[in-house]
C-alpha atoms as a PDB file:
ATOM      1  CA  MET A   1      14.276  10.848  -7.712  1.00  0.00           C
ATOM      2  CA  ILE A   2      13.690  10.855  -4.001  1.00  0.00           C
ATOM      3  CA  LYS A   3      17.342  11.586  -3.370  1.00  0.00           C
ATOM      4  CA  ARG A   4      17.192  14.454  -5.808  1.00  0.00           C
ATOM      5  CA  PHE A   5      14.111  15.873  -4.063  1.00  0.00           C
ATOM      6  CA  ARG A   6      15.781  15.551  -0.702  1.00  0.00           C
ATOM      7  CA  LYS A   7      18.841  17.344  -1.977  1.00  0.00           C
ATOM      8  CA  TRP A   8      16.631  20.110  -3.403  1.00  0.00           C
ATOM      9  CA  VAL A   9      14.749  20.468  -0.144  1.00  0.00           C
ATOM     10  CA  LYS A  10      17.985  20.503   1.785  1.00  0.00           C
ATOM     11  CA  ARG A  11      19.369  23.142  -0.532  1.00  0.00           C
ATOM     12  CA  LYS A  12      16.159  25.261  -0.475  1.00  0.00           C
ATOM     13  CA  LEU A  13      15.248  24.691   3.178  1.00  0.00           C
ATOM     14  CA  PRO A  14      16.515  28.056   4.442  1.00  0.00           C
ATOM     15  CA  SER A  15      14.549  29.849   1.702  1.00  0.00           C
ATOM     16  CA  ILE A  16      11.399  27.785   2.461  1.00  0.00           C
ATOM     17  CA  ILE A  17      11.644  28.559   6.169  1.00  0.00           C
ATOM     18  CA  ILE A  18      12.168  32.243   5.525  1.00  0.00           C
ATOM     19  CA  SER A  19       9.262  32.363   3.033  1.00  0.00           C
ATOM     20  CA  THR A  20       6.988  30.525   5.456  1.00  0.00           C
ATOM     21  CA  LEU A  21       7.885  32.892   8.268  1.00  0.00           C
ATOM     22  CA  ILE A  22       7.278  35.896   6.035  1.00  0.00           C
ATOM     23  CA  LEU A  23       3.901  34.452   4.985  1.00  0.00           C
ATOM     24  CA  LEU A  24       2.930  33.818   8.600  1.00  0.00           C
ATOM     25  CA  LEU A  25       3.986  37.328   9.564  1.00  0.00           C
ATOM     26  CA  LEU A  26       1.955  38.773   6.705  1.00  0.00           C
ATOM     27  CA  ILE A  27      -1.104  36.753   7.689  1.00  0.00           C
ATOM     28  CA  LEU A  28      -0.674  37.808  11.318  1.00  0.00           C
ATOM     29  CA  PHE A  29      -0.235  41.433  10.321  1.00  0.00           C
ATOM     30  CA  PHE A  30      -3.237  41.462   7.984  1.00  0.00           C
ATOM     31  CA  SER A  31      -5.427  39.171  10.097  1.00  0.00           C
ATOM     32  CA  PRO A  32      -7.763  42.013  11.210  1.00  0.00           C
ATOM     33  CA  ARG A  33      -8.451  42.700   7.523  1.00  0.00           C
ATOM     34  CA  ILE A  34      -8.655  39.046   6.538  1.00  0.00           C
ATOM     35  CA  PHE A  35     -10.748  37.643   9.391  1.00  0.00           C
ATOM     36  CA  VAL A  36     -13.670  39.996   9.973  1.00  0.00           C
ATOM     37  CA  THR A  37     -16.210  39.349  12.730  1.00  0.00           C
ATOM     38  CA  ILE A  38     -19.668  40.863  12.407  1.00  0.00           C
ATOM     39  CA  ARG A  39     -21.296  40.930  15.821  1.00  0.00           C
ATOM     40  CA  SER A  40     -24.919  40.838  16.904  1.00  0.00           C
ATOM     41  CA  GLY A  41     -26.918  43.770  15.577  1.00  0.00           C
ATOM     42  CA  GLU A  42     -24.387  44.570  12.847  1.00  0.00           C
ATOM     43  CA  ALA A  43     -24.240  44.208   9.072  1.00  0.00           C
ATOM     44  CA  GLY A  44     -21.254  44.099   6.700  1.00  0.00           C
ATOM     45  CA  VAL A  45     -20.644  45.847   3.382  1.00  0.00           C
ATOM     46  CA  LEU A  46     -17.733  44.582   1.298  1.00  0.00           C
ATOM     47  CA  TYR A  47     -15.667  46.857  -0.924  1.00  0.00           C
ATOM     48  CA  LEU A  48     -13.794  45.008  -3.673  1.00  0.00           C
ATOM     49  CA  ARG A  49     -10.747  47.023  -4.625  1.00  0.00           C
ATOM     50  CA  LEU A  50     -10.039  45.079  -7.838  1.00  0.00           C
ATOM     51  CA  PHE A  51     -13.418  43.639  -8.878  1.00  0.00           C
ATOM     52  CA  GLY A  52     -16.224  46.175  -9.015  1.00  0.00           C
ATOM     53  CA  GLY A  53     -16.151  48.268  -5.854  1.00  0.00           C
ATOM     54  CA  THR A  54     -18.976  48.194  -3.292  1.00  0.00           C
ATOM     55  CA  ILE A  55     -21.282  45.178  -3.234  1.00  0.00           C
ATOM     56  CA  THR A  56     -24.775  46.680  -2.888  1.00  0.00           C
ATOM     57  CA  ASP A  57     -26.991  43.655  -3.513  1.00  0.00           C
ATOM     58  CA  TYR A  58     -25.727  41.541  -0.637  1.00  0.00           C
ATOM     59  CA  VAL A  59     -25.394  42.327   3.067  1.00  0.00           C
ATOM     60  CA  TYR A  60     -22.939  40.227   5.058  1.00  0.00           C
ATOM     61  CA  PRO A  61     -24.713  38.793   8.123  1.00  0.00           C
ATOM     62  CA  GLU A  62     -23.451  38.187  11.639  1.00  0.00           C
ATOM     63  CA  GLY A  63     -20.509  35.826  12.082  1.00  0.00           C
ATOM     64  CA  MET A  64     -16.909  35.531  10.857  1.00  0.00           C
ATOM     65  CA  HIS A  65     -16.000  36.247   7.233  1.00  0.00           C
ATOM     66  CA  ILE A  66     -12.718  35.857   5.351  1.00  0.00           C
ATOM     67  CA  VAL A  67     -11.825  38.546   2.827  1.00  0.00           C
ATOM     68  CA  PHE A  68      -8.727  39.373   0.840  1.00  0.00           C
ATOM     69  CA  PRO A  69      -6.476  41.864   2.576  1.00  0.00           C
ATOM     70  CA  TRP A  70      -6.705  44.324  -0.320  1.00  0.00           C
ATOM     71  CA  ASP A  71     -10.514  44.426   0.058  1.00  0.00           C
ATOM     72  CA  THR A  72     -12.292  46.180   2.915  1.00  0.00           C
ATOM     73  CA  MET A  73     -15.284  45.087   5.004  1.00  0.00           C
ATOM     74  CA  TYR A  74     -17.273  47.994   6.470  1.00  0.00           C
ATOM     75  CA  VAL A  75     -19.345  47.061   9.501  1.00  0.00           C
ATOM     76  CA  TYR A  76     -22.532  49.022  10.265  1.00  0.00           C
ATOM     77  CA  ASN A  77     -24.543  49.080  13.474  1.00  0.00           C
ATOM     78  CA  VAL A  78     -28.145  48.343  12.423  1.00  0.00           C
ATOM     79  CA  LYS A  79     -29.646  48.412  15.934  1.00  0.00           C
ATOM     80  CA  ILE A  80     -31.820  51.298  17.146  1.00  0.00           C
ATOM     81  CA  GLN A  81     -29.457  54.087  18.165  1.00  0.00           C
ATOM     82  CA  THR A  82     -29.815  57.511  19.764  1.00  0.00           C
ATOM     83  CA  THR A  83     -27.864  60.630  18.942  1.00  0.00           C
ATOM     84  CA  LEU A  84     -28.094  63.943  20.807  1.00  0.00           C
ATOM     85  CA  HIS A  85     -28.082  67.225  18.924  1.00  0.00           C
ATOM     86  CA  ASP A  86     -28.472  70.875  19.949  1.00  0.00           C
ATOM     87  CA  PHE A  87     -29.150  73.737  17.557  1.00  0.00           C
ATOM     88  CA  ASP A  88     -30.664  77.223  17.413  1.00  0.00           C
ATOM     89  CA  VAL A  89     -33.768  78.158  15.441  1.00  0.00           C
ATOM     90  CA  LEU A  90     -35.531  81.500  14.876  1.00  0.00           C
ATOM     91  CA  THR A  91     -39.245  82.101  15.549  1.00  0.00           C
ATOM     92  CA  ASN A  92     -41.514  84.359  13.502  1.00  0.00           C
ATOM     93  CA  ARG A  93     -40.303  87.385  15.509  1.00  0.00           C
ATOM     94  CA  GLY A  94     -36.674  86.630  14.836  1.00  0.00           C
ATOM     95  CA  LEU A  95     -36.004  85.497  18.400  1.00  0.00           C
ATOM     96  CA  PRO A  96     -33.626  82.546  18.825  1.00  0.00           C
ATOM     97  CA  ILE A  97     -34.702  79.354  20.528  1.00  0.00           C
ATOM     98  CA  LYS A  98     -32.268  76.612  21.443  1.00  0.00           C
ATOM     99  CA  LEU A  99     -33.582  73.087  20.978  1.00  0.00           C
ATOM    100  CA  GLN A 100     -31.942  70.029  22.524  1.00  0.00           C
ATOM    101  CA  LEU A 101     -32.940  66.933  20.575  1.00  0.00           C
ATOM    102  CA  ALA A 102     -32.660  63.190  21.004  1.00  0.00           C
ATOM    103  CA  ILE A 103     -32.975  61.350  17.667  1.00  0.00           C
ATOM    104  CA  ARG A 104     -33.665  57.616  17.553  1.00  0.00           C
ATOM    105  CA  PHE A 105     -32.845  55.849  14.279  1.00  0.00           C
ATOM    106  CA  HIS A 106     -31.488  52.716  12.634  1.00  0.00           C
ATOM    107  CA  PRO A 107     -30.208  51.917   9.125  1.00  0.00           C
ATOM    108  CA  GLU A 108     -32.459  49.863   6.888  1.00  0.00           C
ATOM    109  CA  TYR A 109     -30.785  46.444   6.864  1.00  0.00           C
ATOM    110  CA  GLU A 110     -31.314  45.629   3.192  1.00  0.00           C
ATOM    111  CA  MET A 111     -30.180  49.118   2.153  1.00  0.00           C
ATOM    112  CA  VAL A 112     -26.874  49.176   4.026  1.00  0.00           C
ATOM    113  CA  GLY A 113     -24.870  48.607   0.819  1.00  0.00           C
ATOM    114  CA  LEU A 114     -26.483  51.566  -0.949  1.00  0.00           C
ATOM    115  CA  LEU A 115     -26.194  53.646   2.220  1.00  0.00           C
ATOM    116  CA  HIS A 116     -22.448  53.014   2.274  1.00  0.00           C
ATOM    117  CA  GLN A 117     -22.016  53.651  -1.440  1.00  0.00           C
ATOM    118  CA  GLN A 118     -24.121  56.826  -1.706  1.00  0.00           C
ATOM    119  CA  VAL A 119     -23.771  58.387   1.766  1.00  0.00           C
ATOM    120  CA  GLY A 120     -21.031  56.729   3.778  1.00  0.00           C
ATOM    121  CA  PRO A 121     -20.439  55.831   7.422  1.00  0.00           C
ATOM    122  CA  ASP A 122     -21.029  59.400   8.623  1.00  0.00           C
ATOM    123  CA  TYR A 123     -24.653  59.286   7.491  1.00  0.00           C
ATOM    124  CA  VAL A 124     -25.940  60.720  10.798  1.00  0.00           C
ATOM    125  CA  ASN A 125     -24.286  64.089  10.158  1.00  0.00           C
ATOM    126  CA  THR A 126     -24.776  63.856   6.412  1.00  0.00           C
ATOM    127  CA  ILE A 127     -28.503  63.207   6.050  1.00  0.00           C
ATOM    128  CA  ILE A 128     -30.319  62.710   9.383  1.00  0.00           C
ATOM    129  CA  ILE A 129     -29.401  65.847  11.342  1.00  0.00           C
ATOM    130  CA  PRO A 130     -29.480  68.292   8.379  1.00  0.00           C
ATOM    131  CA  GLU A 131     -32.908  67.093   7.239  1.00  0.00           C
ATOM    132  CA  ILE A 132     -34.407  67.268  10.740  1.00  0.00           C
ATOM    133  CA  GLU A 133     -32.920  70.733  11.281  1.00  0.00           C
ATOM    134  CA  SER A 134     -34.289  71.952   7.951  1.00  0.00           C
ATOM    135  CA  ILE A 135     -37.829  70.751   8.656  1.00  0.00           C
ATOM    136  CA  LEU A 136     -37.894  72.094  12.225  1.00  0.00           C
ATOM    137  CA  ARG A 137     -36.582  75.498  11.113  1.00  0.00           C
ATOM    138  CA  LYS A 138     -39.318  75.809   8.494  1.00  0.00           C
ATOM    139  CA  LYS A 139     -42.117  74.766  10.848  1.00  0.00           C
ATOM    140  CA  ILE A 140     -41.026  76.635  13.992  1.00  0.00           C
ATOM    141  CA  GLY A 141     -40.413  79.813  11.992  1.00  0.00           C
ATOM    142  CA  HIS A 142     -44.185  80.287  11.696  1.00  0.00           C
ATOM    143  CA  PHE A 143     -44.867  80.427  15.452  1.00  0.00           C
ATOM    144  CA  GLN A 144     -44.276  82.833  18.304  1.00  0.00           C
ATOM    145  CA  PRO A 145     -41.598  82.015  20.893  1.00  0.00           C
ATOM    146  CA  GLU A 146     -44.202  81.790  23.670  1.00  0.00           C
ATOM    147  CA  ASP A 147     -46.166  79.125  21.776  1.00  0.00           C
ATOM    148  CA  ILE A 148     -43.034  77.017  21.322  1.00  0.00           C
ATOM    149  CA  TYR A 149     -41.795  77.565  24.873  1.00  0.00           C
ATOM    150  CA  ILE A 150     -44.996  76.308  26.531  1.00  0.00           C
ATOM    151  CA  ASN A 151     -45.910  73.878  23.713  1.00  0.00           C
ATOM    152  CA  ARG A 152     -49.304  75.511  23.338  1.00  0.00           C
ATOM    153  CA  ASP A 153     -51.924  73.276  21.686  1.00  0.00           C
ATOM    154  CA  ASN A 154     -49.223  70.593  21.319  1.00  0.00           C
ATOM    155  CA  ILE A 155     -47.471  72.647  18.642  1.00  0.00           C
ATOM    156  CA  LEU A 156     -44.130  70.918  19.129  1.00  0.00           C
ATOM    157  CA  THR A 157     -45.739  67.482  19.006  1.00  0.00           C
ATOM    158  CA  ASP A 158     -47.414  68.280  15.688  1.00  0.00           C
ATOM    159  CA  ILE A 159     -44.182  69.720  14.296  1.00  0.00           C
ATOM    160  CA  LEU A 160     -42.250  66.585  15.219  1.00  0.00           C
ATOM    161  CA  VAL A 161     -44.878  64.325  13.647  1.00  0.00           C
ATOM    162  CA  LYS A 162     -44.711  66.350  10.431  1.00  0.00           C
ATOM    163  CA  ALA A 163     -40.919  66.295  10.588  1.00  0.00           C
ATOM    164  CA  LEU A 164     -40.916  62.484  10.710  1.00  0.00           C
ATOM    165  CA  ASP A 165     -43.406  62.319   7.842  1.00  0.00           C
ATOM    166  CA  GLY A 166     -41.333  64.745   5.783  1.00  0.00           C
ATOM    167  CA  LEU A 167     -38.021  62.949   6.157  1.00  0.00           C
ATOM    168  CA  GLY A 168     -36.822  61.226   3.027  1.00  0.00           C
ATOM    169  CA  GLN A 169     -36.134  57.988   4.868  1.00  0.00           C
ATOM    170  CA  LYS A 170     -34.566  56.133   1.970  1.00  0.00           C
ATOM    171  CA  PHE A 171     -31.652  54.392   3.656  1.00  0.00           C
ATOM    172  CA  VAL A 172     -32.233  55.187   7.342  1.00  0.00           C
ATOM    173  CA  LYS A 173     -35.366  54.839   9.451  1.00  0.00           C
ATOM    174  CA  VAL A 174     -35.862  57.670  11.966  1.00  0.00           C
ATOM    175  CA  ASN A 175     -38.049  56.198  14.716  1.00  0.00           C
ATOM    176  CA  ASP A 176     -38.540  59.275  16.859  1.00  0.00           C
ATOM    177  CA  VAL A 177     -37.364  62.832  17.465  1.00  0.00           C
ATOM    178  CA  ILE A 178     -37.610  63.940  21.087  1.00  0.00           C
ATOM    179  CA  ILE A 179     -37.164  67.531  22.211  1.00  0.00           C
ATOM    180  CA  ARG A 180     -35.339  67.245  25.529  1.00  0.00           C
ATOM    181  CA  LYS A 181     -35.319  70.943  26.315  1.00  0.00           C
ATOM    182  CA  VAL A 182     -36.406  74.290  24.872  1.00  0.00           C
ATOM    183  CA  SER A 183     -34.301  77.273  25.930  1.00  0.00           C
ATOM    184  CA  LEU A 184     -35.021  80.960  25.322  1.00  0.00           C
ATOM    185  CA  PRO A 185     -32.838  83.980  26.052  1.00  0.00           C
ATOM    186  CA  GLU A 186     -33.092  84.675  29.775  1.00  0.00           C
ATOM    187  CA  SER A 187     -34.892  88.005  29.385  1.00  0.00           C
ATOM    188  CA  ILE A 188     -37.486  86.546  27.001  1.00  0.00           C
ATOM    189  CA  ALA A 189     -38.057  83.479  29.172  1.00  0.00           C
ATOM    190  CA  LYS A 190     -38.519  85.695  32.256  1.00  0.00           C
ATOM    191  CA  ALA A 191     -41.065  87.893  30.427  1.00  0.00           C
ATOM    192  CA  ILE A 192     -43.040  84.841  29.280  1.00  0.00           C
ATOM    193  CA  GLU A 193     -42.998  83.305  32.765  1.00  0.00           C
ATOM    194  CA  ASP A 194     -44.222  86.603  34.300  1.00  0.00           C
ATOM    195  CA  LYS A 195     -47.015  86.754  31.742  1.00  0.00           C
ATOM    196  CA  LEU A 196     -48.064  83.178  32.492  1.00  0.00           C
ATOM    197  CA  VAL A 197     -48.105  83.936  36.236  1.00  0.00           C
ATOM    198  CA  MET A 198     -50.329  86.976  35.656  1.00  0.00           C
ATOM    199  CA  GLU A 199     -52.657  84.900  33.482  1.00  0.00           C
ATOM    200  CA  GLN A 200     -53.003  82.366  36.290  1.00  0.00           C
ATOM    201  CA  HIS A 201     -53.753  85.158  38.791  1.00  0.00           C
ATOM    202  CA  LEU A 202     -56.456  86.539  36.497  1.00  0.00           C
ATOM    203  CA  LYS A 203     -57.983  83.101  36.064  1.00  0.00           C
ATOM    204  CA  ALA A 204     -57.988  82.609  39.844  1.00  0.00           C
ATOM    205  CA  TYR A 205     -59.632  86.025  40.322  1.00  0.00           C
ATOM    206  CA  ASP A 206     -62.292  85.223  37.717  1.00  0.00           C
ATOM    207  CA  PHE A 207     -62.934  81.938  39.485  1.00  0.00           C
ATOM    208  CA  ARG A 208     -63.396  83.691  42.834  1.00  0.00           C
ATOM    209  CA  LEU A 209     -65.843  86.166  41.259  1.00  0.00           C
ATOM    210  CA  LEU A 210     -67.808  83.311  39.754  1.00  0.00           C
ATOM    211  CA  SER A 211     -67.841  81.524  43.118  1.00  0.00           C
ATOM    212  CA  GLU A 212     -69.138  84.629  44.890  1.00  0.00           C
ATOM    213  CA  GLU A 213     -71.844  85.053  42.272  1.00  0.00           C
ATOM    214  CA  LYS A 214     -72.912  81.440  42.741  1.00  0.00           C
ATOM    215  CA  GLU A 215     -72.902  81.829  46.538  1.00  0.00           C
ATOM    216  CA  SER A 216     -74.999  85.011  46.294  1.00  0.00           C
ATOM    217  CA  GLU A 217     -77.482  83.225  44.066  1.00  0.00           C
ATOM    218  CA  ARG A 218     -77.626  80.317  46.540  1.00  0.00           C
ATOM    219  CA  LYS A 219     -78.359  82.623  49.473  1.00  0.00           C
ATOM    220  CA  ARG A 220     -81.065  84.439  47.505  1.00  0.00           C
ATOM    221  CA  ILE A 221     -82.765  81.163  46.633  1.00  0.00           C
ATOM    222  CA  GLU A 222     -82.479  80.007  50.259  1.00  0.00           C
ATOM    223  CA  ALA A 223     -84.018  83.258  51.554  1.00  0.00           C
ATOM    224  CA  GLU A 224     -86.923  83.011  49.110  1.00  0.00           C
ATOM    225  CA  GLY A 225     -87.502  79.419  50.219  1.00  0.00           C
ATOM    226  CA  ILE A 226     -87.578  80.426  53.920  1.00  0.00           C
ATOM    227  CA  LYS A 227     -89.941  83.293  53.124  1.00  0.00           C
ATOM    228  CA  GLN A 228     -92.335  81.015  51.253  1.00  0.00           C
ATOM    229  CA  TYR A 229     -92.128  78.405  54.040  1.00  0.00           C
ATOM    230  CA  GLN A 230     -93.013  80.983  56.709  1.00  0.00           C
ATOM    231  CA  HIS A 231     -95.863  82.310  54.604  1.00  0.00           C
ATOM    232  CA  ILE A 232     -97.359  78.828  54.205  1.00  0.00           C
ATOM    233  CA  ILE A 233     -96.937  77.946  57.898  1.00  0.00           C
ATOM    234  CA  SER A 234     -98.486  81.237  59.087  1.00  0.00           C
ATOM    235  CA  GLN A 235    -101.677  80.429  57.203  1.00  0.00           C
ATOM    236  CA  THR A 236    -102.123  77.056  58.990  1.00  0.00           C
ATOM    237  CA  LEU A 237    -101.136  77.945  62.577  1.00  0.00           C
ATOM    238  CA  ASP A 238    -103.824  78.692  65.249  1.00  0.00           C
ATOM    239  CA  LYS A 239    -103.974  78.688  69.066  1.00  0.00           C
ATOM    240  CA  ASN A 240    -105.288  75.136  69.446  1.00  0.00           C
ATOM    241  CA  LEU A 241    -102.608  73.694  67.136  1.00  0.00           C
ATOM    242  CA  LEU A 242     -99.849  75.430  69.065  1.00  0.00           C
ATOM    243  CA  THR A 243    -101.252  74.104  72.386  1.00  0.00           C
ATOM    244  CA  TRP A 244    -101.376  70.579  70.959  1.00  0.00           C
ATOM    245  CA  GLN A 245     -97.787  70.816  69.732  1.00  0.00           C
ATOM    246  CA  GLY A 246     -96.744  72.082  73.207  1.00  0.00           C
ATOM    247  CA  ILE A 247     -98.392  69.127  74.947  1.00  0.00           C
ATOM    248  CA  ASN A 248     -96.629  66.655  72.620  1.00  0.00           C
ATOM    249  CA  ALA A 249     -93.291  68.330  73.215  1.00  0.00           C
ATOM    250  CA  THR A 250     -93.874  68.227  77.016  1.00  0.00           C
ATOM    251  CA  LEU A 251     -94.656  64.505  76.877  1.00  0.00           C
ATOM    252  CA  ASP A 252     -91.518  63.777  74.900  1.00  0.00           C
ATOM    253  CA  LEU A 253     -89.453  65.737  77.397  1.00  0.00           C
ATOM    254  CA  ALA A 254     -91.086  63.957  80.360  1.00  0.00           C
ATOM    255  CA  LYS A 255     -90.129  60.593  78.855  1.00  0.00           C
ATOM    256  CA  SER A 256     -86.511  61.576  78.553  1.00  0.00           C
ATOM    257  CA  ASP A 257     -84.007  59.695  80.745  1.00  0.00           C
ATOM    258  CA  ASN A 258     -82.291  62.937  81.595  1.00  0.00           C
ATOM    259  CA  ALA A 259     -85.376  64.635  83.101  1.00  0.00           C
ATOM    260  CA  LYS A 260     -87.225  64.417  86.476  1.00  0.00           C
ATOM    261  CA  VAL A 261     -90.778  65.698  86.045  1.00  0.00           C
ATOM    262  CA  ILE A 262     -92.658  67.549  88.783  1.00  0.00           C
ATOM    263  CA  VAL A 263     -96.000  69.051  87.708  1.00  0.00           C
ATOM    264  CA  ILE A 264     -97.350  71.848  89.834  1.00  0.00           C
ATOM    265  CA  GLY A 265    -100.561  73.450  88.697  1.00  0.00           C
ATOM    266  CA  SER A 266    -100.341  74.585  85.072  1.00  0.00           C
ATOM    267  CA  GLY A 267     -98.299  77.043  83.102  1.00  0.00           C
ATOM    268  CA  ASP A 268     -99.216  79.612  80.486  1.00  0.00           C
ATOM    269  CA  GLU A 269    -101.619  78.492  77.819  1.00  0.00           C
ATOM    270  CA  GLY A 270    -102.750  75.588  80.128  1.00  0.00           C
ATOM    271  CA  LEU A 271     -99.461  73.650  79.757  1.00  0.00           C
ATOM    272  CA  PRO A 272     -97.919  71.854  82.778  1.00  0.00           C
ATOM    273  CA  VAL A 273     -94.822  73.302  84.468  1.00  0.00           C
ATOM    274  CA  ILE A 274     -91.753  71.042  84.592  1.00  0.00           C
ATOM    275  CA  LEU A 275     -89.194  71.670  87.337  1.00  0.00           C
ATOM    276  CA  ASN A 276     -85.796  70.160  88.230  1.00  0.00           C
ATOM    277  CA  THR A 277     -85.097  68.885  84.703  1.00  0.00           C
ATOM    278  CA  GLY A 278     -81.426  68.469  85.536  1.00  0.00           C
ATOM    279  CA  ARG A 279     -79.959  65.024  86.462  1.00  0.00           C
END
């Protein structure tokens, strides 16, 4: 029996070697399809060519997976991603505005299978960008180009919030939509900028007028106060009081370190005369 087996092996050895080599070559050739690595922040969706198509109720986690070469593993990035998009939109006056957007999003992990089956890998251009464009066109179409250009009363912010609320985020979560730049035709932008400059000049002029009015009012109040003060003082002043105030002032001056006092006779109103008050 053993001899027979040996003879059979010896007779079939070339065929066995060739078959083994062919098998190894096939495995090597199909290894990228057989041994699939799902890296950090990714999720796998398996398509079974012979047994039911896309598996939607199970998401393949990170790590290495072995699949049959006739099946296909689709790997999705489920981390937060950013895509840039530029498009033109018309305002209520029919003037074009160019918006440059940055859209942050990520696929819903548990819904990756359905996302692949119903939308496909190009879901960004299939559902995210068209829906955001549609909502922004509807909202911005109600406003004037100047309001959008200067974001008056946070119009753009409100529009973006409503855009996020209005998105049918069934398979993909849109975290944020950022408007990087708003561009108008050069002539329109120049006209708006000139208007804004004139508005600032008018506001500055109004402020100066208000300041002058306040200053005039201050001076009037100050003058009335001085007038009342003089009126009150004039009723209490007499000759004796003035002489007494003069004597006190002369004494204070005589005590000063910077004065040398020489009294000769008396001055007007009976006050002493002070000479050589320099050092």
